[in-house]
N, C-alpha and C. Protein backbone atom coordinates (compact mmCIF):
# COMPACT_ATOMS: atom_id res chain seq x y z
N UNK A 1 158.94 165.94 31.31
CA UNK A 1 158.37 164.83 32.04
C UNK A 1 159.37 163.67 32.01
N UNK A 2 159.54 163.01 33.12
CA UNK A 2 160.48 161.91 33.18
C UNK A 2 159.95 160.70 32.41
N UNK A 3 160.85 159.81 32.07
CA UNK A 3 160.46 158.60 31.34
C UNK A 3 159.46 157.77 32.14
N UNK A 4 159.68 157.66 33.45
CA UNK A 4 158.77 156.88 34.29
C UNK A 4 157.39 157.54 34.35
N UNK A 5 157.37 158.86 34.41
CA UNK A 5 156.09 159.56 34.45
C UNK A 5 155.37 159.43 33.11
N UNK A 6 156.11 159.41 32.02
CA UNK A 6 155.51 159.18 30.70
C UNK A 6 154.86 157.79 30.64
N UNK A 7 155.59 156.78 31.11
CA UNK A 7 155.04 155.42 31.12
C UNK A 7 153.83 155.34 32.05
N UNK A 8 153.92 156.04 33.17
CA UNK A 8 152.83 156.05 34.13
C UNK A 8 151.59 156.72 33.53
N UNK A 9 151.78 157.78 32.76
CA UNK A 9 150.66 158.44 32.10
C UNK A 9 149.95 157.47 31.16
N UNK A 10 150.71 156.66 30.44
CA UNK A 10 150.11 155.67 29.53
C UNK A 10 149.28 154.66 30.31
N UNK A 11 149.79 154.22 31.46
CA UNK A 11 149.04 153.28 32.31
C UNK A 11 147.74 153.93 32.78
N UNK A 12 147.83 155.16 33.25
CA UNK A 12 146.64 155.87 33.71
C UNK A 12 145.64 156.04 32.58
N UNK A 13 146.12 156.33 31.37
CA UNK A 13 145.23 156.48 30.22
C UNK A 13 144.52 155.17 29.89
N UNK A 14 145.21 154.05 30.09
CA UNK A 14 144.60 152.74 29.85
C UNK A 14 143.52 152.40 30.87
N UNK A 15 143.70 152.86 32.10
CA UNK A 15 142.79 152.49 33.19
C UNK A 15 141.63 153.47 33.34
N UNK A 16 141.94 154.76 33.27
CA UNK A 16 140.92 155.76 33.57
C UNK A 16 140.41 156.45 32.31
N UNK A 17 139.10 156.48 32.15
CA UNK A 17 138.48 157.18 31.04
C UNK A 17 138.69 158.68 31.19
N UNK A 18 139.00 159.34 30.10
CA UNK A 18 139.20 160.80 30.10
C UNK A 18 140.21 161.24 31.17
N UNK A 19 141.29 160.51 31.27
CA UNK A 19 142.30 160.80 32.28
C UNK A 19 143.03 162.10 31.95
N UNK A 20 143.06 163.02 32.91
CA UNK A 20 143.83 164.25 32.69
C UNK A 20 145.33 163.96 32.75
N UNK A 21 146.12 164.92 32.36
CA UNK A 21 147.57 164.79 32.49
C UNK A 21 147.89 164.64 33.98
N UNK A 22 148.79 163.73 34.29
CA UNK A 22 149.14 163.49 35.69
C UNK A 22 150.51 164.10 35.99
N UNK A 23 150.72 164.36 37.28
CA UNK A 23 152.03 164.80 37.77
C UNK A 23 152.15 164.32 39.21
N UNK A 24 153.21 164.69 39.87
CA UNK A 24 153.44 164.18 41.23
C UNK A 24 152.39 164.63 42.24
N UNK A 25 151.62 165.65 41.92
CA UNK A 25 150.59 166.12 42.86
C UNK A 25 149.23 165.47 42.61
N UNK A 26 149.13 164.63 41.58
CA UNK A 26 147.87 163.96 41.28
C UNK A 26 147.57 162.91 42.35
N UNK A 27 146.35 162.95 42.87
CA UNK A 27 145.93 161.99 43.89
C UNK A 27 144.66 161.28 43.45
N UNK A 28 144.27 160.31 44.24
CA UNK A 28 143.03 159.56 43.98
C UNK A 28 141.84 160.50 43.86
N UNK A 29 141.83 161.57 44.63
CA UNK A 29 140.73 162.53 44.61
C UNK A 29 140.74 163.41 43.37
N UNK A 30 141.86 163.45 42.64
CA UNK A 30 141.99 164.29 41.45
C UNK A 30 141.34 163.68 40.21
N UNK A 31 141.11 162.37 40.24
CA UNK A 31 140.58 161.66 39.08
C UNK A 31 139.24 161.04 39.47
N UNK A 32 138.18 161.55 38.88
CA UNK A 32 136.82 161.15 39.25
C UNK A 32 136.59 159.64 39.15
N UNK A 33 137.19 159.00 38.15
CA UNK A 33 136.94 157.57 37.95
C UNK A 33 137.88 156.66 38.75
N UNK A 34 138.72 157.24 39.62
CA UNK A 34 139.63 156.45 40.45
C UNK A 34 138.86 155.92 41.65
N UNK A 35 138.09 154.87 41.41
CA UNK A 35 137.33 154.22 42.48
C UNK A 35 138.03 152.91 42.85
N UNK A 36 137.40 152.11 43.70
CA UNK A 36 138.05 150.89 44.18
C UNK A 36 138.29 149.87 43.06
N UNK A 37 137.36 149.76 42.14
CA UNK A 37 137.53 148.81 41.03
C UNK A 37 138.66 149.26 40.12
N UNK A 38 138.65 150.54 39.73
CA UNK A 38 139.71 151.05 38.87
C UNK A 38 141.06 151.07 39.58
N UNK A 39 141.04 151.18 40.90
CA UNK A 39 142.29 151.13 41.66
C UNK A 39 142.96 149.76 41.47
N UNK A 40 142.16 148.70 41.54
CA UNK A 40 142.71 147.36 41.33
C UNK A 40 143.20 147.19 39.90
N UNK A 41 142.48 147.74 38.95
CA UNK A 41 142.93 147.70 37.54
C UNK A 41 144.25 148.44 37.39
N UNK A 42 144.36 149.59 38.06
CA UNK A 42 145.60 150.37 38.02
C UNK A 42 146.76 149.55 38.58
N UNK A 43 146.54 148.90 39.70
CA UNK A 43 147.60 148.09 40.33
C UNK A 43 148.05 146.99 39.38
N UNK A 44 147.10 146.30 38.77
CA UNK A 44 147.45 145.23 37.83
C UNK A 44 148.25 145.76 36.64
N UNK A 45 147.83 146.89 36.11
CA UNK A 45 148.55 147.51 34.99
C UNK A 45 149.97 147.93 35.40
N UNK A 46 150.09 148.50 36.61
CA UNK A 46 151.41 148.90 37.11
C UNK A 46 152.32 147.69 37.27
N UNK A 47 151.78 146.62 37.83
CA UNK A 47 152.59 145.42 38.03
C UNK A 47 153.08 144.86 36.69
N UNK A 48 152.20 144.88 35.69
CA UNK A 48 152.57 144.38 34.37
C UNK A 48 153.58 145.30 33.68
N UNK A 49 153.29 146.59 33.67
CA UNK A 49 154.13 147.55 32.95
C UNK A 49 155.53 147.68 33.55
N UNK A 50 155.61 147.66 34.88
CA UNK A 50 156.89 147.91 35.54
C UNK A 50 157.52 146.65 36.14
N UNK A 51 156.88 145.49 35.98
CA UNK A 51 157.44 144.25 36.50
C UNK A 51 157.51 144.23 38.02
N UNK A 52 156.48 144.76 38.66
CA UNK A 52 156.45 144.87 40.11
C UNK A 52 155.42 143.92 40.71
N UNK A 53 155.48 143.78 42.01
CA UNK A 53 154.47 143.05 42.77
C UNK A 53 154.24 143.83 44.06
N UNK A 54 153.00 144.23 44.28
CA UNK A 54 152.68 145.03 45.46
C UNK A 54 152.05 144.16 46.54
N UNK A 55 152.37 144.46 47.79
CA UNK A 55 151.73 143.78 48.92
C UNK A 55 150.33 144.37 49.10
N UNK A 56 149.50 143.69 49.87
CA UNK A 56 148.15 144.17 50.14
C UNK A 56 148.21 145.55 50.79
N UNK A 57 149.12 145.72 51.72
CA UNK A 57 149.27 147.01 52.40
C UNK A 57 149.65 148.11 51.41
N UNK A 58 150.59 147.81 50.51
CA UNK A 58 150.98 148.80 49.50
C UNK A 58 149.81 149.15 48.60
N UNK A 59 149.05 148.15 48.19
CA UNK A 59 147.89 148.39 47.32
C UNK A 59 146.91 149.33 48.00
N UNK A 60 146.66 149.12 49.27
CA UNK A 60 145.72 149.96 50.01
C UNK A 60 146.23 151.39 50.18
N UNK A 61 147.56 151.56 50.24
CA UNK A 61 148.12 152.87 50.55
C UNK A 61 148.55 153.69 49.33
N UNK A 62 148.55 153.11 48.15
CA UNK A 62 148.96 153.86 46.95
C UNK A 62 147.80 154.73 46.47
N UNK A 63 147.83 155.98 46.88
CA UNK A 63 146.72 156.87 46.58
C UNK A 63 147.15 158.14 45.86
N UNK A 64 148.40 158.16 45.37
CA UNK A 64 148.87 159.33 44.64
C UNK A 64 149.95 158.93 43.64
N UNK A 65 150.13 159.76 42.64
CA UNK A 65 151.19 159.53 41.65
C UNK A 65 152.55 159.56 42.33
N UNK A 66 152.72 160.46 43.28
CA UNK A 66 154.01 160.56 43.99
C UNK A 66 154.33 159.24 44.70
N UNK A 67 153.35 158.65 45.38
CA UNK A 67 153.58 157.39 46.08
C UNK A 67 153.89 156.27 45.08
N UNK A 68 153.19 156.27 43.95
CA UNK A 68 153.42 155.25 42.93
C UNK A 68 154.84 155.38 42.37
N UNK A 69 155.24 156.61 42.07
CA UNK A 69 156.60 156.84 41.54
C UNK A 69 157.66 156.38 42.53
N UNK A 70 157.43 156.60 43.82
CA UNK A 70 158.39 156.17 44.84
C UNK A 70 158.52 154.64 44.85
N UNK A 71 157.42 153.93 44.63
CA UNK A 71 157.45 152.46 44.61
C UNK A 71 158.11 151.94 43.34
N UNK A 72 157.96 152.67 42.23
CA UNK A 72 158.54 152.25 40.96
C UNK A 72 160.05 152.38 40.96
N UNK A 73 160.57 153.40 41.66
CA UNK A 73 162.01 153.69 41.63
C UNK A 73 162.86 152.60 42.20
C-alpha cells in the first residue's frame, strides 16, 4: 500500500465507523456510513491531513478513493 493510501486509510478510519480496508476501487457506495454528513467530515479531515482546500465542485464530485488520490497527488 502506498504511503498516501495508508494516510488515507487513517482518515477514513477517523470518519467512518467500522471502515473496511480501502483501495482505489472503493467508492461512496462501498461504505454504508458514507452519507452526506460523513462526506463533509471526510472532506474536512482530508483538507487537514493533506493541507488541501477543495472547491465546492470538487467536494460534490469526490465519490471514490481513486478520485481522492488523484486530488492529493
